[in-house]
Amino acid sequence: MEAIIPYLNFNGNAAEALTFYSKALDGKILHQQTFGESPMPSTPEMKDKIMHAAFQADKLTLMVSDCPPEMSVNTGSNISLSLNFTDEASIDKTFAALSEGSKVTMPLQDTFWGAKFGMLTDPFGINWMFNYDKPKG
């Protein structure tokens, strides 16, 4: 079995989210297809919306799509994406970038379990957790 790949659904702003994540996480969009580019029938309002896209930043992969009008997305607290870092400079840089326009629910800080940890909800309603396990010793 391979690593789990989070699939994020949006209410029409998946392209905006992809642009935000590409910049904040220093990643790239691997591929994307709009509803209009697919063989599936779609409404004029959906033709430029993302039917499917994949994004990658280092070892992180996300897949995203916009939901058709008959399906709505309810953003909430039912999922968090946890990013684990191997150095302190990277966690600081990424937390700062993803904090832009986001609601920080726990500032990045040293913890009792020996890690630097923080949490936020980004402008698209996605909950993120950041963790860097500090070297022991």
Protein backbone atom coordinates (compact mmCIF):
# COMPACT_ATOMS: atom_id res chain seq x y z
CA MET A 1 0.00 0.00 0.00
CA GLU A 2 1.24 3.50 -0.81
CA ALA A 3 0.86 6.64 1.25
CA ILE A 4 -2.60 8.12 1.60
CA ILE A 5 -3.25 11.02 -0.75
CA PRO A 6 -5.67 13.61 0.60
CA TYR A 7 -8.39 14.59 -1.88
CA LEU A 8 -9.76 18.08 -1.32
CA ASN A 9 -13.13 19.21 -2.71
CA PHE A 10 -14.04 22.85 -3.21
CA ASN A 11 -17.13 24.91 -4.04
CA GLY A 12 -15.75 26.51 -7.19
CA ASN A 13 -12.40 27.87 -5.98
CA ALA A 14 -10.11 24.86 -6.52
CA ALA A 15 -7.93 26.77 -9.03
CA GLU A 16 -7.43 29.56 -6.49
CA ALA A 17 -6.55 26.99 -3.81
CA LEU A 18 -4.03 25.31 -6.12
CA THR A 19 -2.34 28.64 -6.80
CA PHE A 20 -2.21 29.39 -3.06
CA TYR A 21 -0.77 25.96 -2.18
CA SER A 22 1.77 26.11 -5.02
CA LYS A 23 3.14 29.37 -3.69
CA ALA A 24 2.92 28.61 0.04
CA LEU A 25 4.33 25.07 -0.17
CA ASP A 26 6.79 25.73 -3.03
CA GLY A 27 5.13 23.04 -5.11
CA LYS A 28 3.71 22.52 -8.56
CA ILE A 29 0.52 21.43 -10.22
CA LEU A 30 1.24 18.09 -11.86
CA HIS A 31 -1.88 18.10 -14.01
CA GLN A 32 -5.34 19.57 -14.07
CA GLN A 33 -8.44 19.15 -16.16
CA THR A 34 -11.52 21.32 -16.17
CA PHE A 35 -15.05 20.01 -16.54
CA GLY A 36 -15.12 21.64 -19.98
CA GLU A 37 -12.03 19.70 -21.05
CA SER A 38 -13.50 16.38 -19.97
CA PRO A 39 -15.94 14.15 -21.87
CA MET A 40 -18.45 14.53 -19.01
CA PRO A 41 -21.43 16.79 -19.68
CA SER A 42 -21.24 20.03 -17.70
CA THR A 43 -23.08 23.29 -17.33
CA PRO A 44 -21.63 26.52 -18.72
CA GLU A 45 -20.95 27.65 -15.14
CA MET A 46 -18.79 24.54 -14.53
CA LYS A 47 -16.82 24.43 -17.78
CA ASP A 48 -13.82 26.32 -16.34
CA LYS A 49 -13.97 24.67 -12.90
CA ILE A 50 -11.47 21.97 -11.91
CA MET A 51 -12.74 18.43 -12.45
CA HIS A 52 -9.47 16.90 -11.22
CA ALA A 53 -5.98 18.13 -10.42
CA ALA A 54 -2.91 16.79 -8.68
CA PHE A 55 -0.41 18.89 -6.77
CA GLN A 56 3.02 17.99 -5.42
CA ALA A 57 5.49 19.67 -3.07
CA ASP A 58 8.48 17.48 -2.22
CA LYS A 59 6.88 14.24 -0.92
CA LEU A 60 3.44 15.80 -0.34
CA THR A 61 0.76 15.00 -2.92
CA LEU A 62 -2.77 16.44 -2.92
CA MET A 63 -5.62 15.89 -5.35
CA VAL A 64 -8.36 18.48 -5.72
CA SER A 65 -11.59 19.15 -7.56
CA ASP A 66 -14.55 21.50 -7.60
CA CYS A 67 -17.87 19.89 -6.75
CA PRO A 68 -20.69 20.16 -9.26
CA PRO A 69 -23.62 22.37 -8.14
CA GLU A 70 -25.72 19.36 -7.12
CA MET A 71 -23.03 18.38 -4.60
CA SER A 72 -21.95 20.89 -1.99
CA VAL A 73 -18.89 20.89 0.21
CA ASN A 74 -19.26 21.63 3.89
CA THR A 75 -15.97 22.83 5.29
CA GLY A 76 -15.43 21.77 8.84
CA SER A 77 -13.21 20.18 11.37
CA ASN A 78 -13.50 16.59 10.18
CA ILE A 79 -10.02 16.43 8.63
CA SER A 80 -6.60 17.95 9.17
CA LEU A 81 -3.59 17.58 6.95
CA SER A 82 -0.47 16.98 9.00
CA LEU A 83 2.84 18.19 7.62
CA ASN A 84 5.95 16.71 9.25
CA PHE A 85 9.27 18.50 8.80
CA THR A 86 12.90 17.43 9.05
CA ASP A 87 14.32 20.86 9.94
CA GLU A 88 13.23 23.94 11.84
CA ALA A 89 13.82 26.45 9.03
CA SER A 90 11.38 24.59 6.76
CA ILE A 91 8.57 24.45 9.33
CA ASP A 92 9.00 28.18 10.07
CA LYS A 93 8.94 29.12 6.37
CA THR A 94 5.96 26.93 5.49
CA PHE A 95 3.90 27.93 8.53
CA ALA A 96 4.47 31.61 7.72
CA ALA A 97 3.47 31.09 4.08
CA LEU A 98 0.33 29.08 4.82
CA SER A 99 -0.62 31.53 7.59
CA GLU A 100 -1.23 34.23 4.99
CA GLY A 101 -4.97 34.89 5.06
CA SER A 102 -5.47 31.94 7.40
CA LYS A 103 -6.80 31.60 10.95
CA VAL A 104 -3.98 30.42 13.22
CA THR A 105 -5.59 28.12 15.79
CA MET A 106 -2.32 27.30 17.58
CA PRO A 107 0.78 29.40 16.97
CA LEU A 108 3.94 27.55 16.01
CA GLN A 109 5.66 26.77 19.33
CA ASP A 110 7.84 24.35 21.25
CA THR A 111 5.83 21.60 22.93
CA PHE A 112 6.19 19.36 25.95
CA TRP A 113 6.66 16.34 23.68
CA GLY A 114 9.87 17.75 22.18
CA ALA A 115 8.49 19.07 18.93
CA LYS A 116 7.76 22.42 17.35
CA PHE A 117 4.05 22.34 16.54
CA GLY A 118 1.29 24.62 15.27
CA MET A 119 -2.13 24.54 13.61
CA LEU A 120 -4.16 26.75 11.30
CA THR A 121 -7.23 26.80 9.08
CA ASP A 122 -6.42 28.18 5.64
CA PRO A 123 -8.60 30.59 3.61
CA PHE A 124 -10.31 27.59 1.98
CA GLY A 125 -11.42 25.95 5.24
CA ILE A 126 -8.72 23.25 5.27
CA ASN A 127 -7.18 22.46 8.68
CA TRP A 128 -3.38 22.05 8.76
CA MET A 129 -1.08 20.70 11.47
CA PHE A 130 2.66 21.37 11.46
CA ASN A 131 5.16 19.22 13.35
CA TYR A 132 8.95 19.13 13.63
CA ASP A 133 10.36 16.56 16.05
CA LYS A 134 13.46 18.20 17.49
CA PRO A 135 16.62 16.08 17.71
CA LYS A 136 17.05 14.39 21.08
CA GLY A 137 20.16 15.17 23.04
